[in-house]
C-alpha atoms as a PDB file:
ATOM      1  CA  UNK A   1       5.870 146.961-164.367  1.00  0.00           C
ATOM      2  CA  UNK A   2       6.069 147.805-160.655  1.00  0.00           C
ATOM      3  CA  UNK A   3       5.186 144.279-159.600  1.00  0.00           C
ATOM      4  CA  UNK A   4       8.006 143.013-161.836  1.00  0.00           C
ATOM      5  CA  UNK A   5      10.441 145.265-159.996  1.00  0.00           C
ATOM      6  CA  UNK A   6       9.124 144.101-156.629  1.00  0.00           C
ATOM      7  CA  UNK A   7       9.361 140.470-157.734  1.00  0.00           C
ATOM      8  CA  UNK A   8      12.989 141.023-158.721  1.00  0.00           C
ATOM      9  CA  UNK A   9      13.709 142.712-155.392  1.00  0.00           C
ATOM     10  CA  UNK A  10      11.985 139.871-153.536  1.00  0.00           C
ATOM     11  CA  UNK A  11      14.142 137.343-155.352  1.00  0.00           C
ATOM     12  CA  UNK A  12      17.336 139.230-154.494  1.00  0.00           C
ATOM     13  CA  UNK A  13      16.405 140.367-150.979  1.00  0.00           C
ATOM     14  CA  UNK A  14      17.991 137.463-149.127  1.00  0.00           C
ATOM     15  CA  UNK A  15      21.343 138.800-150.383  1.00  0.00           C
ATOM     16  CA  UNK A  16      20.844 142.414-149.273  1.00  0.00           C
ATOM     17  CA  UNK A  17      23.346 143.636-146.735  1.00  0.00           C
ATOM     18  CA  UNK A  18      24.341 147.002-145.333  1.00  0.00           C
ATOM     19  CA  UNK A  19      21.177 148.689-146.584  1.00  0.00           C
ATOM     20  CA  UNK A  20      21.518 152.418-146.152  1.00  0.00           C
ATOM     21  CA  UNK A  21      19.206 154.332-143.795  1.00  0.00           C
ATOM     22  CA  UNK A  22      17.725 156.042-146.854  1.00  0.00           C
ATOM     23  CA  UNK A  23      16.771 152.736-148.501  1.00  0.00           C
ATOM     24  CA  UNK A  24      15.360 151.386-145.250  1.00  0.00           C
ATOM     25  CA  UNK A  25      13.264 154.501-144.782  1.00  0.00           C
ATOM     26  CA  UNK A  26      11.982 154.293-148.366  1.00  0.00           C
ATOM     27  CA  UNK A  27      10.937 150.670-147.853  1.00  0.00           C
ATOM     28  CA  UNK A  28       8.996 151.483-144.698  1.00  0.00           C
ATOM     29  CA  UNK A  29       7.495 154.645-146.198  1.00  0.00           C
ATOM     30  CA  UNK A  30       6.318 152.696-149.232  1.00  0.00           C
ATOM     31  CA  UNK A  31       4.769 150.057-146.992  1.00  0.00           C
ATOM     32  CA  UNK A  32       3.157 152.707-144.804  1.00  0.00           C
ATOM     33  CA  UNK A  33       1.603 154.575-147.739  1.00  0.00           C
ATOM     34  CA  UNK A  34       0.343 151.467-149.479  1.00  0.00           C
ATOM     35  CA  UNK A  35      -1.058 150.041-146.258  1.00  0.00           C
ATOM     36  CA  UNK A  36      -3.020 153.256-145.659  1.00  0.00           C
ATOM     37  CA  UNK A  37      -4.515 153.024-149.140  1.00  0.00           C
ATOM     38  CA  UNK A  38      -5.247 149.322-148.648  1.00  0.00           C
ATOM     39  CA  UNK A  39      -6.982 149.951-145.324  1.00  0.00           C
ATOM     40  CA  UNK A  40      -9.011 152.846-146.750  1.00  0.00           C
ATOM     41  CA  UNK A  41     -10.171 150.721-149.643  1.00  0.00           C
ATOM     42  CA  UNK A  42     -10.998 147.836-147.318  1.00  0.00           C
ATOM     43  CA  UNK A  43     -12.948 150.162-145.025  1.00  0.00           C
ATOM     44  CA  UNK A  44     -14.799 151.616-148.005  1.00  0.00           C
ATOM     45  CA  UNK A  45     -15.780 148.150-149.179  1.00  0.00           C
ATOM     46  CA  UNK A  46     -16.866 147.119-145.685  1.00  0.00           C
ATOM     47  CA  UNK A  47     -18.873 150.314-145.210  1.00  0.00           C
ATOM     48  CA  UNK A  48     -20.634 149.762-148.512  1.00  0.00           C
ATOM     49  CA  UNK A  49     -21.385 146.183-147.553  1.00  0.00           C
ATOM     50  CA  UNK A  50     -22.448 146.789-143.962  1.00  0.00           C
ATOM     51  CA  UNK A  51     -23.720 150.334-144.217  1.00  0.00           C
ATOM     52  CA  UNK A  52     -21.610 151.200-141.177  1.00  0.00           C
ATOM     53  CA  UNK A  53     -18.043 152.047-140.417  1.00  0.00           C
ATOM     54  CA  UNK A  54     -15.664 149.314-139.280  1.00  0.00           C
ATOM     55  CA  UNK A  55     -12.321 149.361-137.536  1.00  0.00           C
ATOM     56  CA  UNK A  56      -9.530 149.828-140.084  1.00  0.00           C
ATOM     57  CA  UNK A  57      -7.407 147.146-138.455  1.00  0.00           C
ATOM     58  CA  UNK A  58     -10.039 144.418-139.030  1.00  0.00           C
ATOM     59  CA  UNK A  59      -8.694 141.556-141.060  1.00  0.00           C
ATOM     60  CA  UNK A  60     -10.463 140.392-144.167  1.00  0.00           C
ATOM     61  CA  UNK A  61     -12.082 137.016-143.547  1.00  0.00           C
ATOM     62  CA  UNK A  62     -13.451 134.389-145.934  1.00  0.00           C
ATOM     63  CA  UNK A  63     -16.877 135.983-145.563  1.00  0.00           C
ATOM     64  CA  UNK A  64     -15.353 139.291-146.645  1.00  0.00           C
ATOM     65  CA  UNK A  65     -13.844 137.562-149.673  1.00  0.00           C
ATOM     66  CA  UNK A  66     -17.263 136.170-150.591  1.00  0.00           C
ATOM     67  CA  UNK A  67     -18.745 139.637-150.158  1.00  0.00           C
ATOM     68  CA  UNK A  68     -16.106 141.022-152.537  1.00  0.00           C
ATOM     69  CA  UNK A  69     -17.701 139.148-155.411  1.00  0.00           C
ATOM     70  CA  UNK A  70     -20.635 141.600-155.392  1.00  0.00           C
ATOM     71  CA  UNK A  71     -18.360 144.608-155.958  1.00  0.00           C
ATOM     72  CA  UNK A  72     -17.037 145.887-159.214  1.00  0.00           C
ATOM     73  CA  UNK A  73     -14.024 144.112-160.664  1.00  0.00           C
ATOM     74  CA  UNK A  74     -12.033 147.344-160.277  1.00  0.00           C
ATOM     75  CA  UNK A  75     -12.424 147.426-156.484  1.00  0.00           C
ATOM     76  CA  UNK A  76     -11.672 143.722-156.156  1.00  0.00           C
ATOM     77  CA  UNK A  77      -8.671 144.102-158.461  1.00  0.00           C
ATOM     78  CA  UNK A  78      -7.358 147.139-156.540  1.00  0.00           C
ATOM     79  CA  UNK A  79      -7.619 145.308-153.215  1.00  0.00           C
ATOM     80  CA  UNK A  80      -5.916 142.279-154.686  1.00  0.00           C
ATOM     81  CA  UNK A  81      -3.074 144.352-156.110  1.00  0.00           C
ATOM     82  CA  UNK A  82      -2.509 146.239-152.849  1.00  0.00           C
ATOM     83  CA  UNK A  83      -2.523 142.975-150.939  1.00  0.00           C
ATOM     84  CA  UNK A  84      -0.015 141.395-153.333  1.00  0.00           C
ATOM     85  CA  UNK A  85       2.340 144.392-153.265  1.00  0.00           C
ATOM     86  CA  UNK A  86       2.175 144.730-149.473  1.00  0.00           C
ATOM     87  CA  UNK A  87       2.940 141.044-149.123  1.00  0.00           C
ATOM     88  CA  UNK A  88       5.927 141.357-151.479  1.00  0.00           C
ATOM     89  CA  UNK A  89       7.308 144.255-149.427  1.00  0.00           C
ATOM     90  CA  UNK A  90       6.901 142.202-146.260  1.00  0.00           C
ATOM     91  CA  UNK A  91       8.633 139.262-147.952  1.00  0.00           C
ATOM     92  CA  UNK A  92      11.515 141.525-148.944  1.00  0.00           C
ATOM     93  CA  UNK A  93      11.906 142.742-145.365  1.00  0.00           C
ATOM     94  CA  UNK A  94      11.526 139.219-144.009  1.00  0.00           C
ATOM     95  CA  UNK A  95      14.152 137.816-146.384  1.00  0.00           C
ATOM     96  CA  UNK A  96      16.616 140.573-145.426  1.00  0.00           C
ATOM     97  CA  UNK A  97      16.092 139.779-141.765  1.00  0.00           C
ATOM     98  CA  UNK A  98      16.113 136.001-142.114  1.00  0.00           C
ATOM     99  CA  UNK A  99      19.229 135.820-144.282  1.00  0.00           C
ATOM    100  CA  UNK A 100      21.337 138.820-143.254  1.00  0.00           C
ATOM    101  CA  UNK A 101      19.967 140.248-140.016  1.00  0.00           C
ATOM    102  CA  UNK A 102      23.413 140.933-138.562  1.00  0.00           C
ATOM    103  CA  UNK A 103      24.382 142.742-141.790  1.00  0.00           C
ATOM    104  CA  UNK A 104      21.333 145.056-141.809  1.00  0.00           C
ATOM    105  CA  UNK A 105      21.318 147.097-138.590  1.00  0.00           C
ATOM    106  CA  UNK A 106      19.856 150.112-140.403  1.00  0.00           C
ATOM    107  CA  UNK A 107      16.848 148.034-141.426  1.00  0.00           C
ATOM    108  CA  UNK A 108      16.337 146.830-137.857  1.00  0.00           C
ATOM    109  CA  UNK A 109      16.625 150.395-136.563  1.00  0.00           C
ATOM    110  CA  UNK A 110      14.134 151.726-139.123  1.00  0.00           C
ATOM    111  CA  UNK A 111      11.690 148.901-138.430  1.00  0.00           C
ATOM    112  CA  UNK A 112      11.937 149.528-134.685  1.00  0.00           C
ATOM    113  CA  UNK A 113      11.269 153.205-135.230  1.00  0.00           C
ATOM    114  CA  UNK A 114       8.232 152.409-137.418  1.00  0.00           C
ATOM    115  CA  UNK A 115       7.046 149.341-135.532  1.00  0.00           C
ATOM    116  CA  UNK A 116       3.434 150.476-135.342  1.00  0.00           C
ATOM    117  CA  UNK A 117       2.903 150.140-139.109  1.00  0.00           C
ATOM    118  CA  UNK A 118       2.925 146.342-138.813  1.00  0.00           C
ATOM    119  CA  UNK A 119       0.404 146.042-135.983  1.00  0.00           C
ATOM    120  CA  UNK A 120      -2.735 146.115-138.170  1.00  0.00           C
ATOM    121  CA  UNK A 121      -1.357 143.215-140.206  1.00  0.00           C
ATOM    122  CA  UNK A 122      -0.597 140.854-137.325  1.00  0.00           C
ATOM    123  CA  UNK A 123      -4.045 139.281-137.480  1.00  0.00           C
ATOM    124  CA  UNK A 124      -4.651 139.644-141.213  1.00  0.00           C
ATOM    125  CA  UNK A 125      -4.659 136.142-142.726  1.00  0.00           C
ATOM    126  CA  UNK A 126      -2.747 137.232-145.830  1.00  0.00           C
ATOM    127  CA  UNK A 127       0.130 138.751-143.885  1.00  0.00           C
ATOM    128  CA  UNK A 128       0.341 137.227-140.426  1.00  0.00           C
ATOM    129  CA  UNK A 129       2.804 134.460-141.333  1.00  0.00           C
ATOM    130  CA  UNK A 130       5.365 137.046-142.410  1.00  0.00           C
ATOM    131  CA  UNK A 131       4.563 139.658-139.775  1.00  0.00           C
ATOM    132  CA  UNK A 132       5.193 137.021-137.075  1.00  0.00           C
ATOM    133  CA  UNK A 133       8.866 136.941-138.113  1.00  0.00           C
ATOM    134  CA  UNK A 134       9.165 140.708-138.250  1.00  0.00           C
ATOM    135  CA  UNK A 135       7.488 141.077-134.850  1.00  0.00           C
ATOM    136  CA  UNK A 136       9.797 138.442-133.399  1.00  0.00           C
ATOM    137  CA  UNK A 137      12.825 140.455-134.521  1.00  0.00           C
ATOM    138  CA  UNK A 138      11.364 143.743-133.306  1.00  0.00           C
ATOM    139  CA  UNK A 139      10.458 142.310-129.904  1.00  0.00           C
ATOM    140  CA  UNK A 140      13.952 140.891-129.470  1.00  0.00           C
ATOM    141  CA  UNK A 141      15.702 144.139-130.367  1.00  0.00           C
ATOM    142  CA  UNK A 142      13.225 146.313-128.507  1.00  0.00           C
ATOM    143  CA  UNK A 143      13.829 144.279-125.355  1.00  0.00           C
ATOM    144  CA  UNK A 144      17.589 144.582-125.834  1.00  0.00           C
ATOM    145  CA  UNK A 145      17.376 148.357-126.294  1.00  0.00           C
ATOM    146  CA  UNK A 146      15.101 148.659-123.244  1.00  0.00           C
ATOM    147  CA  UNK A 147      17.490 146.533-121.149  1.00  0.00           C
ATOM    148  CA  UNK A 148      20.461 148.734-122.110  1.00  0.00           C
ATOM    149  CA  UNK A 149      18.553 151.975-121.739  1.00  0.00           C
ATOM    150  CA  UNK A 150      19.394 153.032-118.206  1.00  0.00           C
ATOM    151  CA  UNK A 151      18.569 156.657-118.780  1.00  0.00           C
ATOM    152  CA  UNK A 152      15.535 158.310-120.327  1.00  0.00           C
ATOM    153  CA  UNK A 153      17.368 159.703-123.336  1.00  0.00           C
ATOM    154  CA  UNK A 154      19.373 157.373-125.500  1.00  0.00           C
ATOM    155  CA  UNK A 155      21.075 158.580-128.637  1.00  0.00           C
ATOM    156  CA  UNK A 156      20.594 157.182-132.117  1.00  0.00           C
ATOM    157  CA  UNK A 157      24.219 156.023-132.109  1.00  0.00           C
ATOM    158  CA  UNK A 158      23.716 154.175-128.839  1.00  0.00           C
ATOM    159  CA  UNK A 159      20.618 152.409-130.172  1.00  0.00           C
ATOM    160  CA  UNK A 160      22.512 151.540-133.334  1.00  0.00           C
ATOM    161  CA  UNK A 161      25.376 150.076-131.272  1.00  0.00           C
ATOM    162  CA  UNK A 162      22.938 148.010-129.194  1.00  0.00           C
ATOM    163  CA  UNK A 163      21.352 146.684-132.381  1.00  0.00           C
ATOM    164  CA  UNK A 164      24.739 145.735-133.828  1.00  0.00           C
ATOM    165  CA  UNK A 165      25.763 143.920-130.650  1.00  0.00           C
ATOM    166  CA  UNK A 166      22.404 142.181-130.222  1.00  0.00           C
ATOM    167  CA  UNK A 167      22.448 141.066-133.862  1.00  0.00           C
ATOM    168  CA  UNK A 168      25.587 139.056-133.175  1.00  0.00           C
ATOM    169  CA  UNK A 169      23.697 137.108-130.505  1.00  0.00           C
ATOM    170  CA  UNK A 170      20.531 136.623-132.558  1.00  0.00           C
ATOM    171  CA  UNK A 171      19.849 132.901-133.083  1.00  0.00           C
ATOM    172  CA  UNK A 172      19.856 132.471-136.853  1.00  0.00           C
ATOM    173  CA  UNK A 173      17.377 129.585-136.761  1.00  0.00           C
ATOM    174  CA  UNK A 174      14.738 131.621-134.943  1.00  0.00           C
ATOM    175  CA  UNK A 175      13.013 132.940-138.078  1.00  0.00           C
ATOM    176  CA  UNK A 176      10.879 130.984-140.484  1.00  0.00           C
ATOM    177  CA  UNK A 177      12.533 131.559-143.831  1.00  0.00           C
ATOM    178  CA  UNK A 178       9.917 132.368-146.437  1.00  0.00           C
ATOM    179  CA  UNK A 179      12.005 132.935-149.515  1.00  0.00           C
ATOM    180  CA  UNK A 180       9.877 132.051-152.503  1.00  0.00           C
ATOM    181  CA  UNK A 181      11.034 133.029-155.935  1.00  0.00           C
ATOM    182  CA  UNK A 182       8.614 135.326-157.706  1.00  0.00           C
ATOM    183  CA  UNK A 183       8.105 135.313-161.395  1.00  0.00           C
ATOM    184  CA  UNK A 184       8.721 138.662-163.062  1.00  0.00           C
ATOM    185  CA  UNK A 185       5.998 138.446-165.662  1.00  0.00           C
END
């Protein structure tokens, strides 16, 4: 049921514009919560396999995938589901940015504010192709905000204005568009 909803959102996301701050915050909060659960489950599996604790930001490799075959189908299924849902959320965000970046300043602002939630996924093979786009956007806008920030305190409205102005200068061909239609099974 929930994956059907996410698939529908992923299919429509390249048309999203003027997302409200509330919606943007809910998207990032959902990603943050699911990524914490995903990382905990991945750490649990790695600890069981290795007998020791591993860094939560470690990416799952092919060897880890082979190791997964010795675990119960429930654990493998849970990891697979979390991975699929996290990827769909990233695809939704990516499609919004790739297609309508200049029409979604609230999304850019929220992503800038929560930038650290994407860092653990930069090297993860299942997510890095999408996170590269998101990081490209965040680096661009972060640099623009830093360049305009001449004083230590900058208001939310000022950051928002910088984002709106910088979005007009964003080269539209800079992002790799990854819009793939999902089937709502």
